[in-house]
C-alpha atoms as a PDB file:
ATOM      1  CA  UNK A   1      -3.666   4.543   1.782  1.00  0.00           C
ATOM      2  CA  UNK A   2      -6.138   7.425   1.860  1.00  0.00           C
ATOM      3  CA  UNK A   3      -4.323  10.737   2.183  1.00  0.00           C
ATOM      4  CA  UNK A   4      -5.125  14.320   1.344  1.00  0.00           C
ATOM      5  CA  UNK A   5      -2.398  16.464  -0.154  1.00  0.00           C
ATOM      6  CA  UNK A   6      -1.644  20.040   0.850  1.00  0.00           C
ATOM      7  CA  UNK A   7       0.481  22.806  -0.594  1.00  0.00           C
ATOM      8  CA  UNK A   8       2.267  23.131   2.761  1.00  0.00           C
ATOM      9  CA  UNK A   9       5.975  22.445   3.245  1.00  0.00           C
ATOM     10  CA  UNK A  10       8.207  21.724   6.207  1.00  0.00           C
ATOM     11  CA  UNK A  11      10.874  24.318   6.992  1.00  0.00           C
ATOM     12  CA  UNK A  12      14.024  23.841   4.922  1.00  0.00           C
ATOM     13  CA  UNK A  13      16.181  23.950   8.061  1.00  0.00           C
ATOM     14  CA  UNK A  14      16.407  20.339   9.307  1.00  0.00           C
ATOM     15  CA  UNK A  15      16.461  21.281  12.999  1.00  0.00           C
ATOM     16  CA  UNK A  16      13.361  23.454  12.611  1.00  0.00           C
ATOM     17  CA  UNK A  17      11.567  20.692  10.692  1.00  0.00           C
ATOM     18  CA  UNK A  18      12.387  18.010  13.282  1.00  0.00           C
ATOM     19  CA  UNK A  19      11.132  20.311  16.024  1.00  0.00           C
ATOM     20  CA  UNK A  20       7.664  20.119  14.433  1.00  0.00           C
ATOM     21  CA  UNK A  21       7.463  16.309  14.631  1.00  0.00           C
ATOM     22  CA  UNK A  22       5.856  14.322  17.423  1.00  0.00           C
ATOM     23  CA  UNK A  23       5.666  10.652  18.238  1.00  0.00           C
ATOM     24  CA  UNK A  24       4.371   8.035  17.888  1.00  0.00           C
ATOM     25  CA  UNK A  25       5.338   7.539  14.264  1.00  0.00           C
ATOM     26  CA  UNK A  26       3.322   5.201  12.048  1.00  0.00           C
ATOM     27  CA  UNK A  27       5.377   2.616  10.154  1.00  0.00           C
ATOM     28  CA  UNK A  28       4.691   2.421   6.421  1.00  0.00           C
ATOM     29  CA  UNK A  29       5.944   0.192   3.627  1.00  0.00           C
ATOM     30  CA  UNK A  30       8.109   1.075   0.640  1.00  0.00           C
ATOM     31  CA  UNK A  31       5.027   0.688  -1.577  1.00  0.00           C
ATOM     32  CA  UNK A  32       3.124   3.180   0.599  1.00  0.00           C
ATOM     33  CA  UNK A  33       6.040   5.636   0.360  1.00  0.00           C
ATOM     34  CA  UNK A  34       5.945   5.342  -3.433  1.00  0.00           C
ATOM     35  CA  UNK A  35       2.192   5.943  -3.396  1.00  0.00           C
ATOM     36  CA  UNK A  36       2.567   9.044  -1.199  1.00  0.00           C
ATOM     37  CA  UNK A  37       5.375  10.391  -3.376  1.00  0.00           C
ATOM     38  CA  UNK A  38       3.288   9.853  -6.506  1.00  0.00           C
ATOM     39  CA  UNK A  39       0.286  11.649  -4.983  1.00  0.00           C
ATOM     40  CA  UNK A  40       2.379  14.572  -3.691  1.00  0.00           C
ATOM     41  CA  UNK A  41       4.476  15.055  -6.825  1.00  0.00           C
ATOM     42  CA  UNK A  42       2.925  18.478  -7.498  1.00  0.00           C
ATOM     43  CA  UNK A  43       1.974  19.230  -3.893  1.00  0.00           C
ATOM     44  CA  UNK A  44       3.615  19.981  -0.550  1.00  0.00           C
ATOM     45  CA  UNK A  45       5.450  17.592   1.749  1.00  0.00           C
ATOM     46  CA  UNK A  46       2.749  17.771   4.409  1.00  0.00           C
ATOM     47  CA  UNK A  47      -0.221  15.439   4.039  1.00  0.00           C
ATOM     48  CA  UNK A  48      -3.412  14.797   5.974  1.00  0.00           C
ATOM     49  CA  UNK A  49      -3.879  11.216   7.161  1.00  0.00           C
ATOM     50  CA  UNK A  50      -6.794  10.281   9.414  1.00  0.00           C
ATOM     51  CA  UNK A  51      -7.486  13.958  10.019  1.00  0.00           C
ATOM     52  CA  UNK A  52      -3.962  14.779  11.177  1.00  0.00           C
ATOM     53  CA  UNK A  53      -1.204  16.731   9.457  1.00  0.00           C
ATOM     54  CA  UNK A  54       1.880  14.578   8.855  1.00  0.00           C
ATOM     55  CA  UNK A  55       4.988  14.194   6.801  1.00  0.00           C
ATOM     56  CA  UNK A  56       6.854  11.021   5.895  1.00  0.00           C
ATOM     57  CA  UNK A  57      10.373   9.728   5.537  1.00  0.00           C
ATOM     58  CA  UNK A  58      13.088   7.488   6.949  1.00  0.00           C
ATOM     59  CA  UNK A  59      12.679   6.844  10.647  1.00  0.00           C
ATOM     60  CA  UNK A  60      13.455   4.128  13.163  1.00  0.00           C
ATOM     61  CA  UNK A  61      15.156   1.859  10.632  1.00  0.00           C
ATOM     62  CA  UNK A  62      12.391   2.036   8.027  1.00  0.00           C
ATOM     63  CA  UNK A  63       9.792   4.451   6.694  1.00  0.00           C
ATOM     64  CA  UNK A  64       7.145   6.228   8.713  1.00  0.00           C
ATOM     65  CA  UNK A  65       4.410   8.808   8.740  1.00  0.00           C
ATOM     66  CA  UNK A  66       5.421  11.441  11.267  1.00  0.00           C
ATOM     67  CA  UNK A  67       2.674  13.517  12.889  1.00  0.00           C
ATOM     68  CA  UNK A  68       3.200  17.251  13.234  1.00  0.00           C
ATOM     69  CA  UNK A  69       2.682  19.257  16.388  1.00  0.00           C
ATOM     70  CA  UNK A  70      -0.464  21.343  16.210  1.00  0.00           C
ATOM     71  CA  UNK A  71       1.554  24.593  16.386  1.00  0.00           C
END
C-alpha cells in the first residue's frame, strides 16, 4: 500500500475527530493496518493515500481508511 506520512494529528476529542471523517470508507486488511502503523510510528495519524488525506482504524466491523473532509 503506497501511503505518504504526515506530521498531522486528529483532534484528541473523539467527537471532534469523527466530525472530520467522510464516507465512503475503504476497507483494509489487518496486514495493511500493520503496514500503516509501522510506517507512521514516528509520524502523525493522518496519511495521504491516492492524493487524499485520511486516517485509519476500526470501522464497519473491520478496518478501514477513512477520508477526511477538506476543511
